[in-house]
């Protein structure tokens, strides 16, 4: 059985249902990726690497992980922290804006739980996935320890996968974020940047400029998500461009990139080609953005992608 570890943060999500009421659920970029990967490829062992508290919300969050058949062996419990929280608002085009409360998030302490024994266990995985949000959540004083862990995983033969996911509020300065992202690019075998995120952090919004930027790195797969237009796929076997089928009714773009990542990584682990994996990932993302919230209701998702279940 293939084995993937996804490192990051799951948060309490609040979404407006009216001007005065909100619906509570759970979401977070690597968690969203994990859910869609597991739903599509249930024979893959999908492990979350994160930290939660010992409060009521944390208990419900871990139960939610288990209900989605995610491994919780590496969901650590902080004695003093609680999960982060965010509220989401959507405009008429399905674009979102967020308000965060995450300074006291247990996930920020996750590296406190990563010791030599845990690193050895993570070294048994096929892929270790993290994001720019994952990096931003890690406390600055713990970053050296994080990169040492990455180096040990890579030396053990684990493929490192990274999605840019730049959120300015997580960083003291843009330069700080850039420095950490450059380390991620250097370490990664699979790169999954979006042109919009890349433009926000490196001031390059042209697809060919993005591809040229990555020529200095020794990746195995570069998959550049070019918004609603297409996806550029580069590897040792060459370059391919996969068009994106337009979605007529966009409801919520919250988990577009996350669901894409889940579809892509799962398909690659299942042995599909890069092109076929991108085609599936595009279908998943296109379906997800037609539904409210980060996580589409399970039965609706299963009905659409039953052939992969």
Protein backbone atom coordinates (compact mmCIF):
# COMPACT_ATOMS: atom_id res chain seq x y z
CA UNK A 1 0.00 0.00 0.00
CA UNK A 2 1.30 3.44 -0.95
CA UNK A 3 1.96 5.78 1.96
CA UNK A 4 1.78 9.60 1.98
CA UNK A 5 2.32 12.03 4.85
CA UNK A 6 0.73 15.48 4.70
CA UNK A 7 2.16 18.10 7.04
CA UNK A 8 0.23 21.19 8.10
CA UNK A 9 -2.76 22.59 9.91
CA UNK A 10 -6.47 21.87 10.08
CA UNK A 11 -8.60 24.69 11.45
CA UNK A 12 -12.10 25.32 12.70
CA UNK A 13 -13.99 26.84 9.77
CA UNK A 14 -16.91 29.25 10.14
CA UNK A 15 -18.93 30.13 7.07
CA UNK A 16 -21.75 32.67 6.89
CA UNK A 17 -25.14 31.15 6.10
CA UNK A 18 -26.88 34.49 6.63
CA UNK A 19 -25.92 37.91 7.94
CA UNK A 20 -26.25 36.68 11.54
CA UNK A 21 -25.56 32.94 11.47
CA UNK A 22 -22.56 30.77 10.61
CA UNK A 23 -21.97 27.08 9.95
CA UNK A 24 -19.03 25.39 11.70
CA UNK A 25 -16.85 22.77 10.02
CA UNK A 26 -13.16 21.90 9.67
CA UNK A 27 -10.73 22.70 6.87
CA UNK A 28 -7.13 23.53 6.01
CA UNK A 29 -5.14 23.25 2.80
CA UNK A 30 -3.21 20.02 3.45
CA UNK A 31 -6.20 18.49 5.25
CA UNK A 32 -8.41 19.26 2.25
CA UNK A 33 -5.83 17.65 -0.02
CA UNK A 34 -5.73 14.59 2.23
CA UNK A 35 -9.52 14.16 2.19
CA UNK A 36 -9.85 14.28 -1.59
CA UNK A 37 -6.84 12.03 -2.11
CA UNK A 38 -8.26 9.39 0.24
CA UNK A 39 -11.74 9.58 -1.25
CA UNK A 40 -10.38 9.06 -4.75
CA UNK A 41 -7.79 6.43 -3.88
CA UNK A 42 -8.96 4.61 -0.73
CA UNK A 43 -6.17 2.04 -1.00
CA UNK A 44 -3.59 4.76 -0.31
CA UNK A 45 -2.51 5.16 3.32
CA UNK A 46 -3.05 8.89 3.97
CA UNK A 47 -1.46 10.28 7.14
CA UNK A 48 -1.93 13.74 8.60
CA UNK A 49 1.05 15.21 10.45
CA UNK A 50 -0.28 17.98 12.67
CA UNK A 51 -1.09 18.95 16.25
CA UNK A 52 -4.40 19.67 17.95
CA UNK A 53 -5.42 20.37 21.53
CA UNK A 54 -7.37 18.42 24.13
CA UNK A 55 -10.53 20.51 23.93
CA UNK A 56 -13.98 19.68 22.58
CA UNK A 57 -13.23 21.10 19.11
CA UNK A 58 -10.04 19.05 18.91
CA UNK A 59 -11.93 15.88 19.80
CA UNK A 60 -14.47 16.54 17.06
CA UNK A 61 -11.71 17.42 14.62
CA UNK A 62 -9.88 14.13 15.18
CA UNK A 63 -13.15 12.24 14.84
CA UNK A 64 -13.71 14.02 11.52
CA UNK A 65 -10.24 12.89 10.38
CA UNK A 66 -11.16 9.33 11.27
CA UNK A 67 -14.55 9.58 9.58
CA UNK A 68 -12.66 10.44 6.37
CA UNK A 69 -10.43 7.38 6.91
CA UNK A 70 -7.30 9.45 7.45
CA UNK A 71 -4.58 8.02 9.69
CA UNK A 72 -4.28 9.97 12.95
CA UNK A 73 -1.13 8.24 14.22
CA UNK A 74 0.78 11.50 13.73
CA UNK A 75 -1.87 13.89 15.01
CA UNK A 76 -0.19 15.08 18.19
CA UNK A 77 -1.96 16.50 21.26
CA UNK A 78 -0.84 19.77 22.81
CA UNK A 79 -1.62 20.22 26.51
CA UNK A 80 -1.78 24.02 26.27
CA UNK A 81 -2.90 24.95 22.73
CA UNK A 82 -6.13 24.72 20.76
CA UNK A 83 -6.96 24.58 17.03
CA UNK A 84 -6.81 27.72 14.94
CA UNK A 85 -10.04 29.24 13.64
CA UNK A 86 -11.02 31.18 10.55
CA UNK A 87 -14.16 32.74 9.12
CA UNK A 88 -14.80 32.78 5.41
CA UNK A 89 -16.87 35.15 3.30
CA UNK A 90 -17.69 34.71 -0.38
CA UNK A 91 -18.46 37.33 -3.00
CA UNK A 92 -20.93 36.89 -5.86
CA UNK A 93 -18.26 35.20 -8.00
CA UNK A 94 -17.36 32.56 -5.41
CA UNK A 95 -14.09 34.27 -4.49
CA UNK A 96 -13.29 34.15 -0.82
CA UNK A 97 -11.83 36.33 1.89
CA UNK A 98 -10.71 35.14 5.32
CA UNK A 99 -10.41 36.33 8.90
CA UNK A 100 -8.01 34.24 11.00
CA UNK A 101 -7.47 33.51 14.70
CA UNK A 102 -4.47 31.17 14.73
CA UNK A 103 -1.76 32.68 16.98
CA UNK A 104 -2.56 30.11 19.67
CA UNK A 105 -2.95 27.23 17.21
CA UNK A 106 -1.66 23.85 18.37
CA UNK A 107 -0.42 23.18 14.83
CA UNK A 108 2.25 25.84 15.32
CA UNK A 109 3.88 23.51 17.87
CA UNK A 110 3.94 20.39 15.71
CA UNK A 111 7.75 20.34 15.40
CA UNK A 112 7.96 20.01 19.17
CA UNK A 113 6.64 16.47 18.70
CA UNK A 114 8.93 15.49 15.81
CA UNK A 115 11.90 13.59 17.23
CA UNK A 116 14.39 11.15 15.73
CA UNK A 117 12.04 8.19 16.11
CA UNK A 118 9.14 10.01 14.43
CA UNK A 119 11.40 11.10 11.58
CA UNK A 120 12.40 7.49 11.01
CA UNK A 121 8.73 6.53 10.83
CA UNK A 122 8.03 9.32 8.34
CA UNK A 123 10.96 8.02 6.28
CA UNK A 124 8.88 4.95 5.43
CA UNK A 125 6.52 7.06 3.32
CA UNK A 126 6.47 7.36 -0.45
CA UNK A 127 5.66 11.10 -0.44
CA UNK A 128 5.87 13.87 2.14
CA UNK A 129 3.66 16.83 1.18
CA UNK A 130 3.63 20.33 2.65
CA UNK A 131 2.68 23.83 1.54
CA UNK A 132 3.55 27.47 1.94
CA UNK A 133 0.87 27.64 4.61
CA UNK A 134 2.50 24.70 6.40
CA UNK A 135 5.79 26.63 6.41
CA UNK A 136 4.12 29.82 7.61
CA UNK A 137 2.48 28.01 10.52
CA UNK A 138 5.77 26.51 11.75
CA UNK A 139 7.26 28.80 14.38
CA UNK A 140 10.46 30.56 13.22
CA UNK A 141 12.53 28.96 15.98
CA UNK A 142 11.45 25.51 14.73
CA UNK A 143 12.26 25.98 11.04
CA UNK A 144 15.81 24.65 11.18
CA UNK A 145 14.46 21.48 12.78
CA UNK A 146 11.83 21.23 10.03
CA UNK A 147 14.43 21.50 7.25
CA UNK A 148 16.65 18.93 8.96
CA UNK A 149 13.65 16.57 8.98
CA UNK A 150 13.08 17.22 5.27
CA UNK A 151 16.74 16.51 4.52
CA UNK A 152 16.57 13.20 6.37
CA UNK A 153 13.37 12.17 4.59
CA UNK A 154 14.84 13.03 1.22
CA UNK A 155 18.03 11.09 2.01
CA UNK A 156 15.84 8.09 2.86
CA UNK A 157 14.25 8.20 -0.60
CA UNK A 158 10.95 9.90 0.27
CA UNK A 159 9.69 12.16 -2.50
CA UNK A 160 9.11 15.72 -1.28
CA UNK A 161 6.07 17.51 -2.71
CA UNK A 162 5.36 21.23 -2.23
CA UNK A 163 2.57 23.67 -3.16
CA UNK A 164 3.35 27.38 -2.87
CA UNK A 165 0.13 28.58 -1.16
CA UNK A 166 1.40 32.03 -0.12
CA UNK A 167 -0.55 33.79 2.64
CA UNK A 168 1.11 37.15 3.50
CA UNK A 169 -0.42 37.33 7.00
CA UNK A 170 1.55 34.25 8.06
CA UNK A 171 4.89 35.99 7.47
CA UNK A 172 6.69 38.90 9.13
CA UNK A 173 7.94 40.09 5.73
CA UNK A 174 7.77 38.99 2.10
CA UNK A 175 11.54 38.43 2.17
CA UNK A 176 11.12 35.96 5.03
CA UNK A 177 8.57 33.99 3.02
CA UNK A 178 10.70 34.09 -0.12
CA UNK A 179 13.70 32.66 1.76
CA UNK A 180 11.66 29.74 3.08
CA UNK A 181 10.05 29.06 -0.30
CA UNK A 182 13.44 28.94 -2.00
CA UNK A 183 14.48 26.24 0.47
CA UNK A 184 11.29 24.35 -0.38
CA UNK A 185 11.98 24.59 -4.11
CA UNK A 186 15.49 23.27 -3.56
CA UNK A 187 14.25 20.29 -1.53
CA UNK A 188 11.22 19.31 -3.61
CA UNK A 189 10.88 16.53 -6.16
CA UNK A 190 7.29 17.48 -7.03
CA UNK A 191 6.39 21.17 -7.34
CA UNK A 192 2.75 22.28 -7.64
CA UNK A 193 2.78 26.09 -7.87
CA UNK A 194 -0.10 28.26 -9.03
CA UNK A 195 0.67 31.27 -11.21
CA UNK A 196 -1.41 33.59 -9.00
CA UNK A 197 0.43 32.58 -5.82
CA UNK A 198 3.77 32.83 -7.59
CA UNK A 199 2.95 36.33 -8.80
CA UNK A 200 2.05 37.43 -5.29
CA UNK A 201 5.38 36.37 -3.79
CA UNK A 202 7.87 36.57 -6.69
CA UNK A 203 6.24 39.24 -8.89
CA UNK A 204 6.10 37.02 -11.98
CA UNK A 205 2.64 36.41 -13.40
CA UNK A 206 3.59 34.99 -16.79
CA UNK A 207 3.46 31.22 -17.12
CA UNK A 208 6.67 31.11 -19.14
CA UNK A 209 8.40 33.30 -16.58
CA UNK A 210 7.39 30.87 -13.86
CA UNK A 211 8.70 27.90 -15.84
CA UNK A 212 11.98 29.72 -16.51
CA UNK A 213 12.34 30.50 -12.80
CA UNK A 214 12.26 26.81 -11.93
CA UNK A 215 14.91 25.83 -14.48
CA UNK A 216 17.54 26.28 -11.76
CA UNK A 217 16.00 23.51 -9.61
CA UNK A 218 16.35 19.74 -9.88
CA UNK A 219 12.70 18.73 -9.65
CA UNK A 220 11.23 15.53 -11.03
CA UNK A 221 7.79 17.01 -11.77
CA UNK A 222 6.74 20.64 -12.16
CA UNK A 223 2.98 21.16 -12.44
CA UNK A 224 2.07 24.83 -12.89
CA UNK A 225 -1.60 25.68 -12.36
CA UNK A 226 -2.36 28.53 -14.74
CA UNK A 227 -5.75 29.56 -13.33
CA UNK A 228 -8.78 28.89 -15.51
CA UNK A 229 -6.67 28.47 -18.66
CA UNK A 230 -4.50 25.37 -18.44
CA UNK A 231 -1.88 23.41 -16.53
CA UNK A 232 1.73 23.12 -17.69
CA UNK A 233 3.43 19.82 -16.84
CA UNK A 234 7.20 19.46 -17.04
CA UNK A 235 9.33 16.42 -16.25
CA UNK A 236 12.21 14.40 -17.64
CA UNK A 237 9.84 13.06 -20.30
CA UNK A 238 9.11 16.53 -21.68
CA UNK A 239 6.41 19.17 -21.45
CA UNK A 240 2.65 18.91 -21.87
CA UNK A 241 -0.17 21.44 -21.61
CA UNK A 242 -3.54 20.30 -20.29
CA UNK A 243 -6.48 22.63 -20.87
CA UNK A 244 -8.95 23.37 -18.09
CA UNK A 245 -12.64 22.90 -18.89
CA UNK A 246 -14.44 26.11 -17.85
CA UNK A 247 -16.96 25.88 -15.00
CA UNK A 248 -20.18 27.76 -15.65
CA UNK A 249 -21.39 28.07 -12.06
CA UNK A 250 -18.59 28.79 -9.60
CA UNK A 251 -19.90 28.66 -6.03
CA UNK A 252 -16.80 28.56 -3.83
CA UNK A 253 -13.13 28.46 -4.90
CA UNK A 254 -11.84 27.77 -1.38
CA UNK A 255 -10.46 24.29 -2.06
CA UNK A 256 -9.72 24.47 -5.78
CA UNK A 257 -5.96 24.04 -5.51
CA UNK A 258 -6.18 21.66 -2.56
CA UNK A 259 -8.53 19.26 -4.34
CA UNK A 260 -6.35 19.48 -7.46
CA UNK A 261 -3.35 18.44 -5.38
CA UNK A 262 -5.25 15.52 -3.87
CA UNK A 263 -6.32 14.26 -7.27
CA UNK A 264 -2.87 14.70 -8.79
CA UNK A 265 -0.78 13.16 -6.01
CA UNK A 266 -3.20 10.26 -5.57
CA UNK A 267 -3.23 9.49 -9.27
CA UNK A 268 0.54 9.62 -9.52
CA UNK A 269 0.90 7.26 -6.56
CA UNK A 270 -1.59 4.93 -8.23
CA UNK A 271 0.63 4.76 -11.32
CA UNK A 272 -1.16 7.15 -13.70
CA UNK A 273 0.86 9.31 -16.08
CA UNK A 274 1.47 12.97 -15.31
CA UNK A 275 -0.98 14.04 -18.02
CA UNK A 276 -3.73 11.66 -16.88
CA UNK A 277 -3.16 12.73 -13.29
CA UNK A 278 -3.57 16.40 -14.22
CA UNK A 279 -6.73 15.63 -16.19
CA UNK A 280 -8.25 13.95 -13.14
CA UNK A 281 -7.06 16.76 -10.85
CA UNK A 282 -8.73 19.32 -13.12
CA UNK A 283 -12.00 17.40 -13.01
CA UNK A 284 -11.88 17.19 -9.22
CA UNK A 285 -11.15 20.90 -8.78
CA UNK A 286 -13.86 21.84 -11.28
CA UNK A 287 -16.40 19.77 -9.37
CA UNK A 288 -15.37 21.02 -5.93
CA UNK A 289 -15.68 24.73 -6.81
CA UNK A 290 -19.32 24.16 -7.75
CA UNK A 291 -20.10 23.40 -4.10
CA UNK A 292 -19.95 25.48 -0.92
CA UNK A 293 -17.20 24.92 1.63
CA UNK A 294 -13.78 23.33 1.42
CA UNK A 295 -15.04 19.74 1.70
CA UNK A 296 -17.85 18.57 -0.59
CA UNK A 297 -20.42 16.32 1.04
CA UNK A 298 -19.18 12.74 0.73
CA UNK A 299 -22.14 11.20 -1.10
CA UNK A 300 -22.18 13.93 -3.77
CA UNK A 301 -18.46 13.51 -4.34
CA UNK A 302 -18.69 9.73 -4.50
CA UNK A 303 -21.53 9.91 -7.03
CA UNK A 304 -19.40 12.02 -9.35
CA UNK A 305 -16.13 10.07 -9.01
CA UNK A 306 -17.45 6.59 -8.37
CA UNK A 307 -15.19 5.10 -11.04
CA UNK A 308 -12.16 5.95 -8.92
CA UNK A 309 -13.59 4.61 -5.64
